[in-house]
């Protein structure tokens, strides 16, 4: 699969000819200023929770690309009020077979509120199970023992985990999470965007290396094979 990183927790994965975009926050991210959102295409946009640093560009991108927005009931209802008609509501524990594969919603320990101050529903992570491969996007979350359930229903090729600390788990917790989900290839997100989540990249890479876990930190705007 091709993985394109747009900064913070925003990325896209190409699966079975479909382009899946996650947590679009680009235009308000100074580190992603070279990314032109008008060049981004999407068939689906998955949203882990309602905080502005995960939905800031959701409405503009969904309208231009005509992508289907997939998130919890509260977020897709909010999107509908902004003029988005193509939505698919889900919630924790549920799964659905899309035209690119099956997605299961899993627990994320965080909070969720929408930009207008309304309730953002429960935050979620997503486990993708496809013919091209399987992966887990944790969303914004603390380390949680619920992660140990994931290997019970799928074998992961890679996982996308937050590593910035303060608002989510840190690198050490992400290493422990990698063990719980039995995954040896991790893509780190949700770091460096704000002062609260700056990391020491060298120390972080060393931490993962010592644990025998591969950590990938793609450059913003770059595409890698996973």
Protein backbone atom coordinates (compact mmCIF):
# COMPACT_ATOMS: atom_id res chain seq x y z
CA UNK A 1 0.00 0.00 0.00
CA UNK A 2 1.04 3.60 -0.64
CA UNK A 3 1.04 5.87 2.41
CA UNK A 4 1.15 9.66 1.98
CA UNK A 5 1.78 11.85 5.01
CA UNK A 6 0.23 15.34 5.20
CA UNK A 7 1.42 16.27 8.68
CA UNK A 8 0.11 15.93 12.24
CA UNK A 9 -2.33 12.96 12.10
CA UNK A 10 -3.40 13.47 8.51
CA UNK A 11 -2.44 10.88 5.92
CA UNK A 12 -3.82 8.93 2.98
CA UNK A 13 -3.58 5.26 2.08
CA UNK A 14 -4.33 3.81 -1.35
CA UNK A 15 -6.28 0.56 -1.05
CA UNK A 16 -7.80 -1.48 -3.88
CA UNK A 17 -7.88 1.55 -6.17
CA UNK A 18 -9.50 3.75 -3.52
CA UNK A 19 -7.85 6.68 -1.77
CA UNK A 20 -8.60 6.82 1.95
CA UNK A 21 -7.83 10.09 3.77
CA UNK A 22 -7.63 10.41 7.55
CA UNK A 23 -8.15 13.30 10.00
CA UNK A 24 -7.65 16.23 7.60
CA UNK A 25 -5.76 19.08 9.28
CA UNK A 26 -3.46 20.79 6.78
CA UNK A 27 -4.20 24.45 6.09
CA UNK A 28 -3.85 25.41 9.77
CA UNK A 29 -0.64 23.43 10.21
CA UNK A 30 2.41 25.63 9.71
CA UNK A 31 4.57 22.53 9.17
CA UNK A 32 2.37 21.49 6.22
CA UNK A 33 2.34 24.87 4.46
CA UNK A 34 3.86 23.37 1.30
CA UNK A 35 0.92 20.97 0.92
CA UNK A 36 -1.78 22.25 -1.45
CA UNK A 37 -5.07 20.70 -0.31
CA UNK A 38 -6.54 21.46 -3.74
CA UNK A 39 -4.36 18.66 -5.12
CA UNK A 40 -5.58 16.08 -2.60
CA UNK A 41 -8.13 13.56 -3.80
CA UNK A 42 -10.14 11.15 -1.66
CA UNK A 43 -12.83 8.53 -2.05
CA UNK A 44 -13.32 8.24 1.71
CA UNK A 45 -12.39 10.45 4.65
CA UNK A 46 -12.16 8.70 8.02
CA UNK A 47 -12.29 10.89 11.12
CA UNK A 48 -11.17 9.55 14.51
CA UNK A 49 -12.67 12.36 16.63
CA UNK A 50 -13.94 15.91 16.45
CA UNK A 51 -11.08 18.10 17.64
CA UNK A 52 -10.18 20.91 15.25
CA UNK A 53 -6.68 19.55 14.62
CA UNK A 54 -8.37 16.53 13.03
CA UNK A 55 -11.34 18.08 11.18
CA UNK A 56 -10.22 21.58 10.16
CA UNK A 57 -10.19 20.75 6.43
CA UNK A 58 -12.84 18.03 6.50
CA UNK A 59 -15.76 20.00 5.08
CA UNK A 60 -13.77 21.73 2.32
CA UNK A 61 -12.16 18.46 1.21
CA UNK A 62 -15.36 16.43 1.41
CA UNK A 63 -17.22 18.99 -0.71
CA UNK A 64 -14.53 19.22 -3.38
CA UNK A 65 -13.74 15.51 -3.65
CA UNK A 66 -17.27 14.20 -3.02
CA UNK A 67 -15.70 11.69 -0.64
CA UNK A 68 -17.77 9.66 1.81
CA UNK A 69 -17.13 10.82 5.38
CA UNK A 70 -16.86 7.95 7.86
CA UNK A 71 -16.89 8.64 11.58
CA UNK A 72 -19.08 8.35 14.66
CA UNK A 73 -22.74 9.33 14.52
CA UNK A 74 -22.22 12.75 16.09
CA UNK A 75 -19.46 13.81 13.68
CA UNK A 76 -21.25 12.68 10.52
CA UNK A 77 -24.40 14.45 11.75
CA UNK A 78 -22.35 17.64 12.23
CA UNK A 79 -20.86 17.19 8.75
CA UNK A 80 -24.34 16.81 7.33
CA UNK A 81 -25.30 20.18 8.79
CA UNK A 82 -22.32 21.66 6.92
CA UNK A 83 -23.71 20.38 3.62
CA UNK A 84 -22.03 16.96 3.41
CA UNK A 85 -24.50 14.36 2.15
CA UNK A 86 -22.22 11.35 1.61
CA UNK A 87 -21.62 9.99 5.10
CA UNK A 88 -21.36 6.64 6.84
CA UNK A 89 -21.90 6.60 10.63
CA UNK A 90 -20.13 4.02 12.78
CA UNK A 91 -19.30 3.50 16.42
CA UNK A 92 -16.96 1.60 18.72
CA UNK A 93 -17.07 -2.16 18.29
CA UNK A 94 -18.87 -2.05 14.95
CA UNK A 95 -17.48 -3.07 11.57
CA UNK A 96 -18.51 -2.59 7.95
CA UNK A 97 -17.49 -4.08 4.62
CA UNK A 98 -16.67 -1.26 2.21
CA UNK A 99 -15.72 -1.68 -1.47
CA UNK A 100 -12.01 -1.66 -0.52
CA UNK A 101 -12.19 -3.95 2.52
CA UNK A 102 -13.57 -4.24 6.05
CA UNK A 103 -13.10 -1.63 8.78
CA UNK A 104 -13.66 -2.25 12.49
CA UNK A 105 -13.95 0.63 14.98
CA UNK A 106 -12.02 0.20 18.20
CA UNK A 107 -11.60 2.07 21.47
CA UNK A 108 -9.54 5.26 21.71
CA UNK A 109 -9.04 6.77 25.16
CA UNK A 110 -9.27 10.52 24.53
CA UNK A 111 -11.95 13.23 24.34
CA UNK A 112 -13.95 14.66 21.45
CA UNK A 113 -15.59 18.01 20.84
CA UNK A 114 -16.42 19.73 17.55
CA UNK A 115 -15.18 23.17 16.45
CA UNK A 116 -18.57 24.77 17.21
CA UNK A 117 -18.43 23.46 20.78
CA UNK A 118 -20.95 20.68 20.26
CA UNK A 119 -20.44 17.13 21.48
CA UNK A 120 -18.12 15.11 19.25
CA UNK A 121 -19.13 11.62 20.34
CA UNK A 122 -16.73 8.87 21.36
CA UNK A 123 -13.24 9.00 19.85
CA UNK A 124 -12.30 5.89 17.88
CA UNK A 125 -9.48 4.02 16.23
CA UNK A 126 -9.88 2.06 12.98
CA UNK A 127 -8.61 -1.38 11.99
CA UNK A 128 -8.51 -1.91 8.21
CA UNK A 129 -8.59 -5.46 6.85
CA UNK A 130 -8.09 -5.57 3.07
CA UNK A 131 -6.68 -7.73 0.30
CA UNK A 132 -3.79 -5.26 0.05
CA UNK A 133 -2.91 -5.61 3.74
CA UNK A 134 -4.11 -4.80 7.25
CA UNK A 135 -3.38 -1.77 9.42
CA UNK A 136 -4.50 0.04 12.55
CA UNK A 137 -4.91 3.80 12.95
CA UNK A 138 -5.15 4.46 16.67
CA UNK A 139 -6.36 8.05 16.44
CA UNK A 140 -5.58 10.20 19.47
CA UNK A 141 -5.35 7.82 22.39
CA UNK A 142 -3.68 6.80 25.58
CA UNK A 143 -2.16 3.35 25.72
CA UNK A 144 -4.96 0.97 26.63
CA UNK A 145 -5.20 -2.76 27.26
CA UNK A 146 -8.02 -2.86 24.71
CA UNK A 147 -5.25 -2.83 22.10
CA UNK A 148 -4.45 -6.42 23.09
CA UNK A 149 -7.75 -7.49 21.49
CA UNK A 150 -6.68 -6.47 17.97
CA UNK A 151 -4.44 -9.52 17.26
CA UNK A 152 -7.40 -11.71 18.18
CA UNK A 153 -9.14 -10.81 14.91
CA UNK A 154 -6.40 -9.71 12.51
CA UNK A 155 -2.67 -9.71 11.82
CA UNK A 156 -1.36 -6.20 11.19
CA UNK A 157 1.13 -5.21 8.51
CA UNK A 158 1.63 -1.78 10.07
CA UNK A 159 0.07 0.61 12.60
CA UNK A 160 -0.23 4.38 12.80
CA UNK A 161 0.26 5.52 16.40
CA UNK A 162 0.53 8.93 18.12
CA UNK A 163 3.91 9.51 19.78
CA UNK A 164 3.86 13.18 20.83
CA UNK A 165 2.88 12.82 24.52
CA UNK A 166 0.92 15.43 26.52
CA UNK A 167 -2.40 14.90 24.65
CA UNK A 168 -1.77 11.25 23.71
CA UNK A 169 0.61 8.44 24.54
CA UNK A 170 4.33 9.06 24.17
CA UNK A 171 6.97 7.06 22.35
CA UNK A 172 7.55 4.66 25.24
CA UNK A 173 3.85 3.91 25.46
CA UNK A 174 3.73 3.49 21.67
CA UNK A 175 6.49 0.87 21.91
CA UNK A 176 4.41 -0.97 24.53
CA UNK A 177 1.34 -0.59 22.32
CA UNK A 178 3.26 -2.10 19.40
CA UNK A 179 3.88 -5.17 21.52
CA UNK A 180 0.21 -5.39 22.51
CA UNK A 181 -0.97 -5.21 18.91
CA UNK A 182 1.86 -7.54 17.82
CA UNK A 183 3.05 -5.18 15.10
CA UNK A 184 6.70 -4.50 14.25
CA UNK A 185 6.19 -1.62 11.79
CA UNK A 186 4.90 1.65 13.27
CA UNK A 187 4.29 4.99 11.58
CA UNK A 188 4.46 7.81 14.12
CA UNK A 189 2.02 10.74 13.99
CA UNK A 190 0.71 13.55 16.22
CA UNK A 191 4.10 15.04 17.08
CA UNK A 192 6.01 18.33 16.57
CA UNK A 193 2.97 20.29 15.33
CA UNK A 194 2.65 22.32 18.54
CA UNK A 195 5.00 23.16 21.37
CA UNK A 196 3.26 20.70 23.68
CA UNK A 197 4.10 17.72 21.46
CA UNK A 198 7.67 18.40 20.29
CA UNK A 199 9.81 15.25 20.37
CA UNK A 200 13.48 14.32 20.25
CA UNK A 201 13.46 12.32 17.02
CA UNK A 202 16.85 10.70 17.56
CA UNK A 203 15.96 9.51 21.06
CA UNK A 204 12.58 8.33 19.84
CA UNK A 205 14.08 6.34 16.97
CA UNK A 206 16.59 4.79 19.37
CA UNK A 207 13.82 3.78 21.76
CA UNK A 208 12.00 1.89 19.04
CA UNK A 209 15.21 0.40 17.66
CA UNK A 210 16.16 -0.98 21.08
CA UNK A 211 12.74 -2.64 21.27
CA UNK A 212 13.19 -4.22 17.83
CA UNK A 213 10.32 -2.23 16.36
CA UNK A 214 10.64 -0.30 13.09
CA UNK A 215 9.55 3.33 13.41
CA UNK A 216 8.81 5.33 10.27
CA UNK A 217 8.58 9.13 10.40
CA UNK A 218 7.83 10.19 6.81
CA UNK A 219 8.48 13.74 5.69
CA UNK A 220 5.35 15.85 5.28
CA UNK A 221 4.15 15.57 1.72
CA UNK A 222 6.09 12.36 1.03
CA UNK A 223 4.74 8.99 -0.09
CA UNK A 224 6.15 5.65 1.05
CA UNK A 225 5.38 2.01 0.39
CA UNK A 226 4.19 0.05 3.43
